[in-house]
């Protein structure tokens, strides 16, 4: 009886550990998506600012 109870408890714990691995994978996926979104936003903003700056410089050079 005790052996069966221990076996059931170990199976239950094993199932919980496997569930945690799936949850961890989802969490890492969400973190990667968030980081990618932030990087895209930064690159877009930086690209717009650089384009404006180069336009200003090119206008100043053409006007000189």
PDB file of N, CA and C in Angstrom:
ATOM      1  N   UNK A   1       0.822  -1.196   0.000  1.00  0.00           N
ATOM      2  CA  UNK A   1       0.000   0.000   0.000  1.00  0.00           C
ATOM      3  C   UNK A   1       0.865   1.259   0.000  1.00  0.00           C
ATOM      4  N   UNK A   2       1.843   1.311   0.870  1.00  0.00           N
ATOM      5  CA  UNK A   2       2.725   2.476   0.966  1.00  0.00           C
ATOM      6  C   UNK A   2       3.524   2.646  -0.319  1.00  0.00           C
ATOM      7  N   UNK A   3       3.958   1.534  -0.895  1.00  0.00           N
ATOM      8  CA  UNK A   3       4.733   1.570  -2.128  1.00  0.00           C
ATOM      9  C   UNK A   3       3.899   2.156  -3.269  1.00  0.00           C
ATOM     10  N   UNK A   4       2.645   1.771  -3.349  1.00  0.00           N
ATOM     11  CA  UNK A   4       1.761   2.291  -4.394  1.00  0.00           C
ATOM     12  C   UNK A   4       1.514   3.791  -4.206  1.00  0.00           C
ATOM     13  N   UNK A   5       1.360   4.186  -2.974  1.00  0.00           N
ATOM     14  CA  UNK A   5       1.136   5.594  -2.689  1.00  0.00           C
ATOM     15  C   UNK A   5       2.362   6.428  -3.075  1.00  0.00           C
ATOM     16  N   UNK A   6       3.547   5.924  -2.771  1.00  0.00           N
ATOM     17  CA  UNK A   6       4.779   6.615  -3.146  1.00  0.00           C
ATOM     18  C   UNK A   6       4.921   6.670  -4.667  1.00  0.00           C
ATOM     19  N   UNK A   7       4.573   5.583  -5.324  1.00  0.00           N
ATOM     20  CA  UNK A   7       4.653   5.526  -6.777  1.00  0.00           C
ATOM     21  C   UNK A   7       3.697   6.542  -7.409  1.00  0.00           C
ATOM     22  N   UNK A   8       2.480   6.620  -6.876  1.00  0.00           N
ATOM     23  CA  UNK A   8       1.515   7.599  -7.381  1.00  0.00           C
ATOM     24  C   UNK A   8       2.001   9.025  -7.150  1.00  0.00           C
ATOM     25  N   UNK A   9       2.583   9.264  -5.985  1.00  0.00           N
ATOM     26  CA  UNK A   9       3.074  10.595  -5.673  1.00  0.00           C
ATOM     27  C   UNK A   9       4.229  10.970  -6.609  1.00  0.00           C
ATOM     28  N   UNK A  10       5.121  10.032  -6.898  1.00  0.00           N
ATOM     29  CA  UNK A  10       6.221  10.298  -7.807  1.00  0.00           C
ATOM     30  C   UNK A  10       5.715  10.574  -9.221  1.00  0.00           C
ATOM     31  N   UNK A  11       4.703   9.824  -9.655  1.00  0.00           N
ATOM     32  CA  UNK A  11       4.125  10.066 -10.978  1.00  0.00           C
ATOM     33  C   UNK A  11       3.494  11.460 -11.041  1.00  0.00           C
ATOM     34  N   UNK A  12       2.826  11.833  -9.972  1.00  0.00           N
ATOM     35  CA  UNK A  12       2.200  13.158  -9.907  1.00  0.00           C
ATOM     36  C   UNK A  12       3.260  14.258  -9.984  1.00  0.00           C
ATOM     37  N   UNK A  13       4.354  14.098  -9.231  1.00  0.00           N
ATOM     38  CA  UNK A  13       5.438  15.080  -9.241  1.00  0.00           C
ATOM     39  C   UNK A  13       6.093  15.147 -10.614  1.00  0.00           C
ATOM     40  N   UNK A  14       6.253  14.004 -11.249  1.00  0.00           N
ATOM     41  CA  UNK A  14       6.857  13.951 -12.577  1.00  0.00           C
ATOM     42  C   UNK A  14       5.990  14.724 -13.576  1.00  0.00           C
ATOM     43  N   UNK A  15       4.690  14.546 -13.491  1.00  0.00           N
ATOM     44  CA  UNK A  15       3.773  15.271 -14.364  1.00  0.00           C
ATOM     45  C   UNK A  15       3.851  16.771 -14.144  1.00  0.00           C
ATOM     46  N   UNK A  16       3.968  17.189 -12.890  1.00  0.00           N
ATOM     47  CA  UNK A  16       4.078  18.620 -12.578  1.00  0.00           C
ATOM     48  C   UNK A  16       5.365  19.209 -13.156  1.00  0.00           C
ATOM     49  N   UNK A  17       6.464  18.468 -13.075  1.00  0.00           N
ATOM     50  CA  UNK A  17       7.724  18.955 -13.620  1.00  0.00           C
ATOM     51  C   UNK A  17       7.643  19.106 -15.133  1.00  0.00           C
ATOM     52  N   UNK A  18       7.003  18.178 -15.791  1.00  0.00           N
ATOM     53  CA  UNK A  18       6.852  18.269 -17.239  1.00  0.00           C
ATOM     54  C   UNK A  18       5.978  19.459 -17.604  1.00  0.00           C
ATOM     55  N   UNK A  19       4.940  19.732 -16.826  1.00  0.00           N
ATOM     56  CA  UNK A  19       4.091  20.891 -17.071  1.00  0.00           C
ATOM     57  C   UNK A  19       4.890  22.185 -16.921  1.00  0.00           C
ATOM     58  N   UNK A  20       5.804  22.227 -15.983  1.00  0.00           N
ATOM     59  CA  UNK A  20       6.624  23.420 -15.762  1.00  0.00           C
ATOM     60  C   UNK A  20       7.518  23.696 -16.958  1.00  0.00           C
ATOM     61  N   UNK A  21       8.031  22.641 -17.590  1.00  0.00           N
ATOM     62  CA  UNK A  21       8.884  22.834 -18.756  1.00  0.00           C
ATOM     63  C   UNK A  21       8.103  23.501 -19.882  1.00  0.00           C
ATOM     64  N   UNK A  22       6.867  23.108 -20.074  1.00  0.00           N
ATOM     65  CA  UNK A  22       6.040  23.723 -21.108  1.00  0.00           C
ATOM     66  C   UNK A  22       5.757  25.175 -20.791  1.00  0.00           C
ATOM     67  N   UNK A  23       5.482  25.467 -19.537  1.00  0.00           N
ATOM     68  CA  UNK A  23       5.216  26.847 -19.133  1.00  0.00           C
ATOM     69  C   UNK A  23       6.466  27.703 -19.306  1.00  0.00           C
ATOM     70  N   UNK A  24       7.616  27.146 -19.001  1.00  0.00           N
ATOM     71  CA  UNK A  24       8.866  27.889 -19.157  1.00  0.00           C
ATOM     72  C   UNK A  24       9.113  28.219 -20.620  1.00  0.00           C
ATOM     73  N   UNK A  25       8.841  27.275 -21.506  1.00  0.00           N
ATOM     74  CA  UNK A  25       9.026  27.520 -22.936  1.00  0.00           C
ATOM     75  C   UNK A  25       8.116  28.647 -23.410  1.00  0.00           C
ATOM     76  N   UNK A  26       6.896  28.666 -22.926  1.00  0.00           N
ATOM     77  CA  UNK A  26       5.961  29.737 -23.296  1.00  0.00           C
ATOM     78  C   UNK A  26       6.462  31.075 -22.773  1.00  0.00           C
ATOM     79  N   UNK A  27       6.956  31.092 -21.546  1.00  0.00           N
ATOM     80  CA  UNK A  27       7.473  32.336 -20.965  1.00  0.00           C
ATOM     81  C   UNK A  27       8.662  32.857 -21.764  1.00  0.00           C
ATOM     82  N   UNK A  28       9.576  31.969 -22.151  1.00  0.00           N
ATOM     83  CA  UNK A  28      10.712  32.400 -22.967  1.00  0.00           C
ATOM     84  C   UNK A  28      10.241  32.924 -24.317  1.00  0.00           C
ATOM     85  N   UNK A  29       9.248  32.288 -24.901  1.00  0.00           N
ATOM     86  CA  UNK A  29       8.701  32.761 -26.175  1.00  0.00           C
ATOM     87  C   UNK A  29       8.111  34.158 -26.053  1.00  0.00           C
ATOM     88  N   UNK A  30       7.397  34.405 -24.971  1.00  0.00           N
ATOM     89  CA  UNK A  30       6.832  35.741 -24.741  1.00  0.00           C
ATOM     90  C   UNK A  30       7.921  36.787 -24.531  1.00  0.00           C
ATOM     91  N   UNK A  31       8.974  36.420 -23.807  1.00  0.00           N
ATOM     92  CA  UNK A  31      10.078  37.362 -23.594  1.00  0.00           C
ATOM     93  C   UNK A  31      10.764  37.696 -24.910  1.00  0.00           C
ATOM     94  N   UNK A  32      10.984  36.701 -25.755  1.00  0.00           N
ATOM     95  CA  UNK A  32      11.621  36.944 -27.050  1.00  0.00           C
ATOM     96  C   UNK A  32      10.744  37.846 -27.909  1.00  0.00           C
ATOM     97  N   UNK A  33       9.436  37.616 -27.899  1.00  0.00           N
ATOM     98  CA  UNK A  33       8.523  38.457 -28.675  1.00  0.00           C
ATOM     99  C   UNK A  33       8.552  39.901 -28.170  1.00  0.00           C
ATOM    100  N   UNK A  34       8.575  40.090 -26.863  1.00  0.00           N
ATOM    101  CA  UNK A  34       8.630  41.433 -26.289  1.00  0.00           C
ATOM    102  C   UNK A  34       9.936  42.134 -26.649  1.00  0.00           C
ATOM    103  N   UNK A  35      11.044  41.426 -26.543  1.00  0.00           N
ATOM    104  CA  UNK A  35      12.342  42.010 -26.882  1.00  0.00           C
ATOM    105  C   UNK A  35      12.383  42.386 -28.359  1.00  0.00           C
ATOM    106  N   UNK A  36      11.858  41.508 -29.225  1.00  0.00           N
ATOM    107  CA  UNK A  36      11.838  41.800 -30.658  1.00  0.00           C
ATOM    108  C   UNK A  36      10.997  43.037 -30.948  1.00  0.00           C
ATOM    109  N   UNK A  37       9.876  43.175 -30.266  1.00  0.00           N
ATOM    110  CA  UNK A  37       9.011  44.338 -30.460  1.00  0.00           C
ATOM    111  C   UNK A  37       9.727  45.624 -30.055  1.00  0.00           C
ATOM    112  N   UNK A  38      10.422  45.581 -28.936  1.00  0.00           N
ATOM    113  CA  UNK A  38      11.167  46.762 -28.469  1.00  0.00           C
ATOM    114  C   UNK A  38      12.277  47.111 -29.459  1.00  0.00           C
ATOM    115  N   UNK A  39      12.991  46.116 -29.942  1.00  0.00           N
ATOM    116  CA  UNK A  39      14.076  46.368 -30.899  1.00  0.00           C
ATOM    117  C   UNK A  39      13.527  46.976 -32.182  1.00  0.00           C
ATOM    118  N   UNK A  40      12.413  46.448 -32.674  1.00  0.00           N
ATOM    119  CA  UNK A  40      11.804  46.990 -33.894  1.00  0.00           C
ATOM    120  C   UNK A  40      11.406  48.451 -33.684  1.00  0.00           C
ATOM    121  N   UNK A  41      10.831  48.755 -32.541  1.00  0.00           N
ATOM    122  CA  UNK A  41      10.447  50.138 -32.238  1.00  0.00           C
ATOM    123  C   UNK A  41      11.645  51.065 -32.190  1.00  0.00           C
ATOM    124  N   UNK A  42      12.717  50.627 -31.554  1.00  0.00           N
ATOM    125  CA  UNK A  42      13.929  51.450 -31.448  1.00  0.00           C
ATOM    126  C   UNK A  42      14.549  51.675 -32.822  1.00  0.00           C
ATOM    127  N   UNK A  43      14.654  50.620 -33.612  1.00  0.00           N
ATOM    128  CA  UNK A  43      15.262  50.744 -34.938  1.00  0.00           C
ATOM    129  C   UNK A  43      14.426  51.658 -35.831  1.00  0.00           C
ATOM    130  N   UNK A  44      13.112  51.546 -35.742  1.00  0.00           N
ATOM    131  CA  UNK A  44      12.239  52.406 -36.544  1.00  0.00           C
ATOM    132  C   UNK A  44      12.417  53.867 -36.161  1.00  0.00           C
ATOM    133  N   UNK A  45      12.426  54.154 -34.871  1.00  0.00           N
ATOM    134  CA  UNK A  45      12.601  55.533 -34.396  1.00  0.00           C
ATOM    135  C   UNK A  45      13.979  56.068 -34.780  1.00  0.00           C
ATOM    136  N   UNK A  46      14.996  55.254 -34.568  1.00  0.00           N
ATOM    137  CA  UNK A  46      16.356  55.668 -34.900  1.00  0.00           C
ATOM    138  C   UNK A  46      16.490  55.910 -36.400  1.00  0.00           C
ATOM    139  N   UNK A  47      15.882  55.049 -37.210  1.00  0.00           N
ATOM    140  CA  UNK A  47      15.940  55.217 -38.664  1.00  0.00           C
ATOM    141  C   UNK A  47      15.280  56.506 -39.112  1.00  0.00           C
ATOM    142  N   UNK A  48      14.154  56.833 -38.530  1.00  0.00           N
ATOM    143  CA  UNK A  48      13.462  58.082 -38.869  1.00  0.00           C
ATOM    144  C   UNK A  48      14.308  59.288 -38.487  1.00  0.00           C
ATOM    145  N   UNK A  49      14.887  59.249 -37.299  1.00  0.00           N
ATOM    146  CA  UNK A  49      15.732  60.366 -36.839  1.00  0.00           C
ATOM    147  C   UNK A  49      16.970  60.520 -37.724  1.00  0.00           C
ATOM    148  N   UNK A  50      17.584  59.407 -38.104  1.00  0.00           N
ATOM    149  CA  UNK A  50      18.760  59.480 -38.962  1.00  0.00           C
ATOM    150  C   UNK A  50      18.400  60.009 -40.344  1.00  0.00           C
ATOM    151  N   UNK A  51      17.268  59.590 -40.851  1.00  0.00           N
ATOM    152  CA  UNK A  51      16.829  60.070 -42.159  1.00  0.00           C
ATOM    153  C   UNK A  51      16.622  61.577 -42.139  1.00  0.00           C
ATOM    154  N   UNK A  52      16.006  62.068 -41.090  1.00  0.00           N
ATOM    155  CA  UNK A  52      15.789  63.525 -40.942  1.00  0.00           C
ATOM    156  C   UNK A  52      17.132  64.256 -40.844  1.00  0.00           C
ATOM    157  N   UNK A  53      18.048  63.705 -40.049  1.00  0.00           N
ATOM    158  CA  UNK A  53      19.349  64.341 -39.862  1.00  0.00           C
ATOM    159  C   UNK A  53      20.125  64.395 -41.186  1.00  0.00           C
ATOM    160  N   UNK A  54      20.139  63.297 -41.921  1.00  0.00           N
ATOM    161  CA  UNK A  54      20.863  63.272 -43.202  1.00  0.00           C
ATOM    162  C   UNK A  54      20.207  64.208 -44.213  1.00  0.00           C
ATOM    163  N   UNK A  55      18.892  64.314 -44.163  1.00  0.00           N
ATOM    164  CA  UNK A  55      18.205  65.263 -45.033  1.00  0.00           C
ATOM    165  C   UNK A  55      18.598  66.701 -44.737  1.00  0.00           C
ATOM    166  N   UNK A  56      18.721  67.017 -43.464  1.00  0.00           N
ATOM    167  CA  UNK A  56      19.147  68.350 -43.040  1.00  0.00           C
ATOM    168  C   UNK A  56      20.562  68.645 -43.485  1.00  0.00           C
ATOM    169  N   UNK A  57      21.452  67.671 -43.287  1.00  0.00           N
ATOM    170  CA  UNK A  57      22.855  67.827 -43.680  1.00  0.00           C
ATOM    171  C   UNK A  57      22.955  67.978 -45.200  1.00  0.00           C
ATOM    172  N   UNK A  58      22.228  67.146 -45.938  1.00  0.00           N
ATOM    173  CA  UNK A  58      22.277  67.228 -47.397  1.00  0.00           C
ATOM    174  C   UNK A  58      21.741  68.586 -47.888  1.00  0.00           C
ATOM    175  N   UNK A  59      20.704  69.095 -47.249  1.00  0.00           N
ATOM    176  CA  UNK A  59      20.174  70.412 -47.608  1.00  0.00           C
ATOM    177  C   UNK A  59      21.174  71.516 -47.323  1.00  0.00           C
ATOM    178  N   UNK A  60      21.892  71.404 -46.214  1.00  0.00           N
ATOM    179  CA  UNK A  60      22.890  72.420 -45.856  1.00  0.00           C
ATOM    180  C   UNK A  60      24.059  72.397 -46.840  1.00  0.00           C
ATOM    181  N   UNK A  61      24.451  71.195 -47.235  1.00  0.00           N
ATOM    182  CA  UNK A  61      25.564  71.064 -48.193  1.00  0.00           C
ATOM    183  C   UNK A  61      25.144  71.599 -49.564  1.00  0.00           C
ATOM    184  N   UNK A  62      23.945  71.279 -49.995  1.00  0.00           N
ATOM    185  CA  UNK A  62      23.451  71.734 -51.302  1.00  0.00           C
ATOM    186  C   UNK A  62      23.269  73.245 -51.326  1.00  0.00           C
ATOM    187  N   UNK A  63      22.927  73.825 -50.197  1.00  0.00           N
ATOM    188  CA  UNK A  63      22.727  75.263 -50.118  1.00  0.00           C
ATOM    189  C   UNK A  63      24.019  76.043 -50.006  1.00  0.00           C
ATOM    190  N   UNK A  64      25.114  75.343 -49.664  1.00  0.00           N
ATOM    191  CA  UNK A  64      26.390  76.048 -49.462  1.00  0.00           C
ATOM    192  C   UNK A  64      27.048  76.325 -50.738  1.00  0.00           C
TER     193      UNK A  64
END
